[in-house]
Amino acid sequence: MKLYRIGQISKLYDVSVDTLRHYEKIGLLEPEFVKDNGYRYYSNRQIWKLNVIRTLRHLDIGLLDIKDHLTDRTLGKSESLIELQLEAIEQQQAELQGLKQDLQLRQKHLVTTKQTPGNMEITLRTLPERKCWVNRVQVSSFWDVDRMHKEIEADKYGEETRYTGLGNAGARISQRHFDAGKYGIYSESFILDDNGDHTLESGQYICLDFWGHDEMKDIMRHYDRVNAYMAENGLTMNGPAIELYKIDIHETDNPDEFLTELQVPVRLQ
C-alpha cells in the first residue's frame, strides 16, 4: 500500500498542512498512521476521503456536516449526502442568479446614465414620493456623505451591497443653507429603497443634471443658476434640496465623470 507524507498530500491537493492537521484534530481525516517521530502518513483511503471533503467544502458545506456524513457510511447516508450537495448547488445557483441580476441592473444604469447630455439644462418636473433610509448626521463633504451611506448600508443591509452603482444614493441640503449659498453642508444622507422608513416628498422640483463633482466653485455655479431660474419664474424653494449621485466614486476615479442630479422642491410665490 502506497503511503504519502503530509507534505506530499498538501502539495498534491493544494491543501495546507495546517488544514490537514485541523482535519485530524476534529476527527475528520486521520492519517493511516503516525510514526514515533511525529511524521504522518496517508493511504489511498484518506485520499479518497480528502477528495470528498474538498468537493463538499467547495459547496460551502460545514466541516461538522461533512464529518457526520462520512462517519459510519451507509447507502442511506450516501443518498442523504447527495441530497445535501444538490441543495447546496441550488442555493449557489440562486445566489449567482441574484448577483447576475444585480450586475445587469448596474450595467443598464451605466449605459443609460452615460447618455445624459452635457448641456446641463434646467427642467421643472413633478416627482413622486420616494421611500428611503436616512442618516441625519450633518456633514460637509461628498466623502463624508459616502461614509454616511456606508453606515446606512451596514445597518440596513448587513454584508450586502445594495445601493452602489444604481444611482439611488444621495444627500439633502437644508433650505437655510441653500438660501445662504452654503451648498457643501449636507443635513442628511439617504439611500432610496421602497422598504425605507423615511420619505422624500412628492411635488414640483427644479432638476439639473451636471457632470463633475470636484471643485465647489463649479458646483456653486450650477446652483446659482437654479436660484436665478427660481427668481425668473416666480418660484420659491419648498424644502431641502436633493443631490442624487447617479455616477460617483463607486464607478470611476475621475471626478469629471461624476454625474449628479440636483432636485430642488419649489412652489409658486
Protein backbone atom coordinates (compact mmCIF):
# COMPACT_ATOMS: atom_id res chain seq x y z
CA MET A 1 0.00 0.00 0.00
CA LYS A 2 1.48 3.30 -1.08
CA LEU A 3 1.79 5.89 1.66
CA TYR A 4 2.15 9.65 1.40
CA ARG A 5 3.62 12.07 3.92
CA ILE A 6 1.55 15.05 4.97
CA GLY A 7 3.71 17.42 2.93
CA GLN A 8 3.11 15.37 -0.23
CA ILE A 9 -0.64 15.36 0.34
CA SER A 10 -0.56 19.11 0.96
CA LYS A 11 1.25 19.73 -2.33
CA LEU A 12 -0.75 17.27 -4.41
CA TYR A 13 -4.15 18.58 -3.31
CA ASP A 14 -3.29 22.22 -2.60
CA VAL A 15 -4.42 21.87 0.99
CA SER A 16 -2.26 23.45 3.67
CA VAL A 17 -0.56 21.32 6.28
CA ASP A 18 -2.37 23.34 8.95
CA THR A 19 -5.72 22.44 7.38
CA LEU A 20 -4.81 18.75 7.29
CA ARG A 21 -3.77 18.90 10.93
CA HIS A 22 -7.08 20.59 11.78
CA TYR A 23 -8.99 17.85 9.97
CA GLU A 24 -7.07 15.32 12.06
CA LYS A 25 -7.75 17.21 15.28
CA ILE A 26 -11.53 17.19 14.77
CA GLY A 27 -11.52 13.55 13.67
CA LEU A 28 -12.49 14.29 10.09
CA LEU A 29 -9.39 12.97 8.32
CA GLU A 30 -6.94 10.97 10.38
CA PRO A 31 -3.64 9.65 8.94
CA GLU A 32 -3.19 5.96 8.25
CA PHE A 33 -0.57 6.02 10.99
CA VAL A 34 1.80 8.36 12.79
CA LYS A 35 5.44 7.36 13.40
CA ASP A 36 7.18 7.88 16.71
CA ASN A 37 8.95 10.89 15.22
CA GLY A 38 5.58 12.53 14.52
CA TYR A 39 5.62 12.01 10.76
CA ARG A 40 2.13 11.44 9.43
CA TYR A 41 1.40 9.06 6.57
CA TYR A 42 -1.76 8.86 4.46
CA SER A 43 -3.00 5.99 2.30
CA ASN A 44 -5.48 5.82 -0.58
CA ARG A 45 -8.27 5.52 1.97
CA GLN A 46 -7.54 9.03 3.26
CA ILE A 47 -7.00 10.39 -0.25
CA TRP A 48 -10.46 9.21 -1.26
CA LYS A 49 -11.98 10.88 1.79
CA LEU A 50 -9.98 14.07 1.17
CA ASN A 51 -11.42 14.28 -2.35
CA VAL A 52 -14.92 14.10 -0.91
CA ILE A 53 -14.12 16.73 1.74
CA ARG A 54 -12.69 19.14 -0.85
CA THR A 55 -15.76 18.73 -3.08
CA LEU A 56 -18.13 19.41 -0.20
CA ARG A 57 -16.10 22.38 1.06
CA HIS A 58 -16.31 23.93 -2.40
CA LEU A 59 -20.07 23.81 -1.88
CA ASP A 60 -19.66 25.62 1.47
CA ILE A 61 -20.86 22.60 3.44
CA GLY A 62 -19.65 22.81 7.03
CA LEU A 63 -16.98 20.51 8.44
CA LEU A 64 -19.28 19.05 11.10
CA ASP A 65 -21.88 18.17 8.48
CA ILE A 66 -19.18 16.56 6.36
CA LYS A 67 -17.89 14.60 9.34
CA ASP A 68 -21.39 13.37 10.13
CA HIS A 69 -21.95 12.19 6.56
CA LEU A 70 -18.59 10.43 6.36
CA THR A 71 -18.92 8.60 9.67
CA ASP A 72 -20.26 5.03 9.50
CA ARG A 73 -21.39 5.46 5.91
CA THR A 74 -24.39 3.54 4.60
CA LEU A 75 -26.36 3.71 1.37
CA GLY A 76 -28.91 5.84 3.18
CA LYS A 77 -26.26 8.30 4.33
CA SER A 78 -24.76 8.41 0.84
CA GLU A 79 -28.16 9.27 -0.55
CA SER A 80 -28.56 11.99 2.08
CA LEU A 81 -25.14 13.33 1.16
CA ILE A 82 -26.16 13.64 -2.49
CA GLU A 83 -29.31 15.49 -1.44
CA LEU A 84 -27.20 17.84 0.68
CA GLN A 85 -24.92 18.55 -2.29
CA LEU A 86 -27.87 19.20 -4.59
CA GLU A 87 -29.36 21.63 -2.07
CA ALA A 88 -26.04 23.45 -1.79
CA ILE A 89 -25.73 23.69 -5.57
CA GLU A 90 -29.27 25.06 -5.88
CA GLN A 91 -28.51 27.67 -3.24
CA GLN A 92 -25.34 28.72 -5.04
CA GLN A 93 -27.22 28.91 -8.33
CA ALA A 94 -29.82 31.16 -6.71
CA GLU A 95 -27.09 33.40 -5.29
CA LEU A 96 -25.35 33.59 -8.67
CA GLN A 97 -28.64 34.40 -10.37
CA GLY A 98 -29.20 37.20 -7.86
CA LEU A 99 -25.68 38.51 -8.47
CA LYS A 100 -26.25 38.35 -12.22
CA GLN A 101 -29.46 40.36 -11.92
CA ASP A 102 -27.70 42.98 -9.77
CA LEU A 103 -24.89 43.31 -12.31
CA GLN A 104 -27.38 43.59 -15.16
CA LEU A 105 -29.16 46.42 -13.31
CA ARG A 106 -25.84 48.21 -12.75
CA GLN A 107 -24.90 47.73 -16.40
CA LYS A 108 -28.25 49.08 -17.57
CA HIS A 109 -27.94 52.07 -15.24
CA LEU A 110 -24.45 52.91 -16.51
CA VAL A 111 -25.38 52.54 -20.18
CA THR A 112 -28.45 54.74 -19.73
CA THR A 113 -26.82 57.33 -17.49
CA LYS A 114 -23.79 57.79 -19.75
CA GLN A 115 -26.19 59.13 -22.38
CA THR A 116 -27.14 62.11 -20.18
CA PRO A 117 -26.43 65.25 -22.25
CA GLY A 118 -23.77 67.66 -21.11
CA ASN A 119 -25.72 70.86 -21.78
CA MET A 120 -26.95 70.93 -18.16
CA GLU A 121 -30.44 72.13 -18.99
CA ILE A 122 -32.71 73.11 -16.09
CA THR A 123 -36.16 71.50 -16.15
CA LEU A 124 -39.28 71.64 -13.97
CA ARG A 125 -40.64 68.18 -13.18
CA THR A 126 -43.23 66.53 -10.98
CA LEU A 127 -41.57 63.83 -8.88
CA PRO A 128 -43.40 61.13 -6.92
CA GLU A 129 -43.00 60.32 -3.25
CA ARG A 130 -39.91 58.18 -2.69
CA LYS A 131 -39.09 55.94 0.25
CA CYS A 132 -35.56 55.88 1.63
CA TRP A 133 -33.26 55.09 4.54
CA VAL A 134 -31.78 58.21 6.13
CA ASN A 135 -28.72 59.12 8.18
CA ARG A 136 -29.38 62.51 9.80
CA VAL A 137 -25.80 63.46 10.61
CA GLN A 138 -24.72 66.81 9.22
CA VAL A 139 -21.52 66.61 7.18
CA SER A 140 -19.63 68.99 4.94
CA SER A 141 -18.09 66.98 2.11
CA PHE A 142 -19.04 64.43 -0.52
CA TRP A 143 -16.64 61.94 1.06
CA ASP A 144 -18.38 62.30 4.42
CA VAL A 145 -21.69 61.68 2.65
CA ASP A 146 -20.25 58.48 1.18
CA ARG A 147 -19.28 57.38 4.68
CA MET A 148 -22.84 58.04 5.85
CA HIS A 149 -24.08 55.82 3.02
CA LYS A 150 -21.74 53.07 4.22
CA GLU A 151 -23.23 53.37 7.71
CA ILE A 152 -26.76 53.06 6.32
CA GLU A 153 -25.67 50.08 4.25
CA ALA A 154 -24.11 48.33 7.25
CA ASP A 155 -27.17 49.00 9.40
CA LYS A 156 -29.87 48.06 6.88
CA TYR A 157 -28.25 45.55 4.55
CA GLY A 158 -25.51 43.89 6.57
CA GLU A 159 -22.84 42.41 4.30
CA GLU A 160 -24.88 43.01 1.16
CA THR A 161 -24.02 45.89 -1.15
CA ARG A 162 -27.41 47.14 -2.20
CA TYR A 163 -27.04 50.71 -3.40
CA THR A 164 -23.72 51.17 -5.19
CA GLY A 165 -23.84 51.55 -8.94
CA LEU A 166 -27.60 52.11 -9.12
CA GLY A 167 -27.83 55.89 -8.74
CA ASN A 168 -30.10 55.73 -5.71
CA ALA A 169 -27.88 57.31 -3.06
CA GLY A 170 -27.83 60.99 -2.28
CA ALA A 171 -27.90 63.78 0.28
CA ARG A 172 -30.06 66.77 1.20
CA ILE A 173 -29.11 70.40 1.75
CA SER A 174 -31.37 72.30 4.13
CA GLN A 175 -33.31 75.24 2.76
CA ARG A 176 -31.50 77.53 5.21
CA HIS A 177 -28.07 76.52 3.94
CA PHE A 178 -29.17 76.54 0.31
CA ASP A 179 -30.57 80.06 0.60
CA ALA A 180 -27.28 81.13 2.18
CA GLY A 181 -25.27 79.62 -0.66
CA LYS A 182 -23.72 77.01 1.66
CA TYR A 183 -24.18 74.18 -0.82
CA GLY A 184 -21.47 71.98 0.68
CA ILE A 185 -23.25 71.45 4.02
CA TYR A 186 -25.45 68.35 3.98
CA SER A 187 -28.15 67.95 6.60
CA GLU A 188 -28.73 64.25 5.88
CA SER A 189 -27.71 61.40 3.62
CA PHE A 190 -30.08 58.82 2.17
CA ILE A 191 -30.42 55.65 0.09
CA LEU A 192 -33.60 55.23 -1.93
CA ASP A 193 -35.36 51.97 -1.07
CA ASP A 194 -39.04 51.02 -1.28
CA ASN A 195 -38.66 49.47 2.18
CA GLY A 196 -37.23 52.66 3.71
CA ASP A 197 -38.81 54.30 6.76
CA HIS A 198 -38.40 57.90 5.56
CA THR A 199 -39.92 59.77 2.62
CA LEU A 200 -38.74 62.27 0.03
CA GLU A 201 -41.83 64.35 -0.61
CA SER A 202 -43.66 64.39 -3.93
CA GLY A 203 -44.17 67.66 -5.78
CA GLN A 204 -42.70 70.11 -8.25
CA TYR A 205 -38.90 70.07 -8.49
CA ILE A 206 -36.37 72.08 -10.43
CA CYS A 207 -33.99 69.44 -11.80
CA LEU A 208 -30.49 69.82 -13.15
CA ASP A 209 -28.03 67.10 -14.19
CA PHE A 210 -24.39 68.15 -14.10
CA TRP A 211 -21.12 66.35 -14.76
CA GLY A 212 -18.19 66.73 -12.38
CA HIS A 213 -18.21 66.97 -8.60
CA ASP A 214 -14.73 68.07 -7.63
CA GLU A 215 -14.46 71.84 -7.37
CA MET A 216 -17.00 73.57 -5.11
CA LYS A 217 -16.80 76.70 -7.28
CA ASP A 218 -18.17 74.70 -10.22
CA ILE A 219 -20.98 73.30 -8.10
CA MET A 220 -21.85 76.78 -6.85
CA ARG A 221 -22.08 77.96 -10.44
CA HIS A 222 -24.75 75.32 -11.18
CA TYR A 223 -26.71 76.06 -8.04
CA ASP A 224 -26.57 79.80 -8.59
CA ARG A 225 -28.19 79.12 -11.97
CA VAL A 226 -31.00 77.29 -10.19
CA ASN A 227 -31.55 80.26 -7.85
CA ALA A 228 -31.68 82.57 -10.87
CA TYR A 229 -34.20 80.24 -12.56
CA MET A 230 -36.44 80.36 -9.50
CA ALA A 231 -36.32 84.16 -9.42
CA GLU A 232 -37.06 84.47 -13.14
CA ASN A 233 -40.04 82.08 -12.97
CA GLY A 234 -41.67 83.26 -9.75
CA LEU A 235 -40.77 80.13 -7.79
CA THR A 236 -39.67 79.72 -4.18
CA MET A 237 -37.89 76.83 -2.54
CA ASN A 238 -40.22 74.43 -0.74
CA GLY A 239 -37.98 72.18 1.36
CA PRO A 240 -34.45 70.72 1.36
CA ALA A 241 -32.58 70.41 -1.92
CA ILE A 242 -31.58 66.92 -3.04
CA GLU A 243 -28.33 65.76 -4.60
CA LEU A 244 -28.76 62.35 -6.25
CA TYR A 245 -25.47 60.69 -7.18
CA LYS A 246 -26.04 58.88 -10.46
CA ILE A 247 -22.34 58.16 -11.09
CA ASP A 248 -19.73 58.63 -8.40
CA ILE A 249 -16.60 57.16 -6.84
CA HIS A 250 -18.09 53.67 -6.96
CA GLU A 251 -17.94 53.68 -10.77
CA THR A 252 -14.98 55.94 -11.60
CA ASP A 253 -11.96 57.67 -10.06
CA ASN A 254 -12.28 60.58 -12.48
CA PRO A 255 -14.34 63.39 -10.85
CA ASP A 256 -15.13 64.75 -14.33
CA GLU A 257 -17.16 61.56 -14.91
CA PHE A 258 -19.27 62.01 -11.77
CA LEU A 259 -22.91 62.71 -12.61
CA THR A 260 -25.15 64.40 -10.03
CA GLU A 261 -28.78 65.37 -10.33
CA LEU A 262 -29.86 68.38 -8.29
CA GLN A 263 -33.55 68.36 -7.33
CA VAL A 264 -34.94 71.47 -5.63
CA PRO A 265 -38.59 71.40 -4.45
CA VAL A 266 -40.43 74.58 -5.41
CA ARG A 267 -43.84 76.28 -5.36
CA LEU A 268 -45.24 79.37 -6.98
CA GLN A 269 -44.77 82.56 -4.98
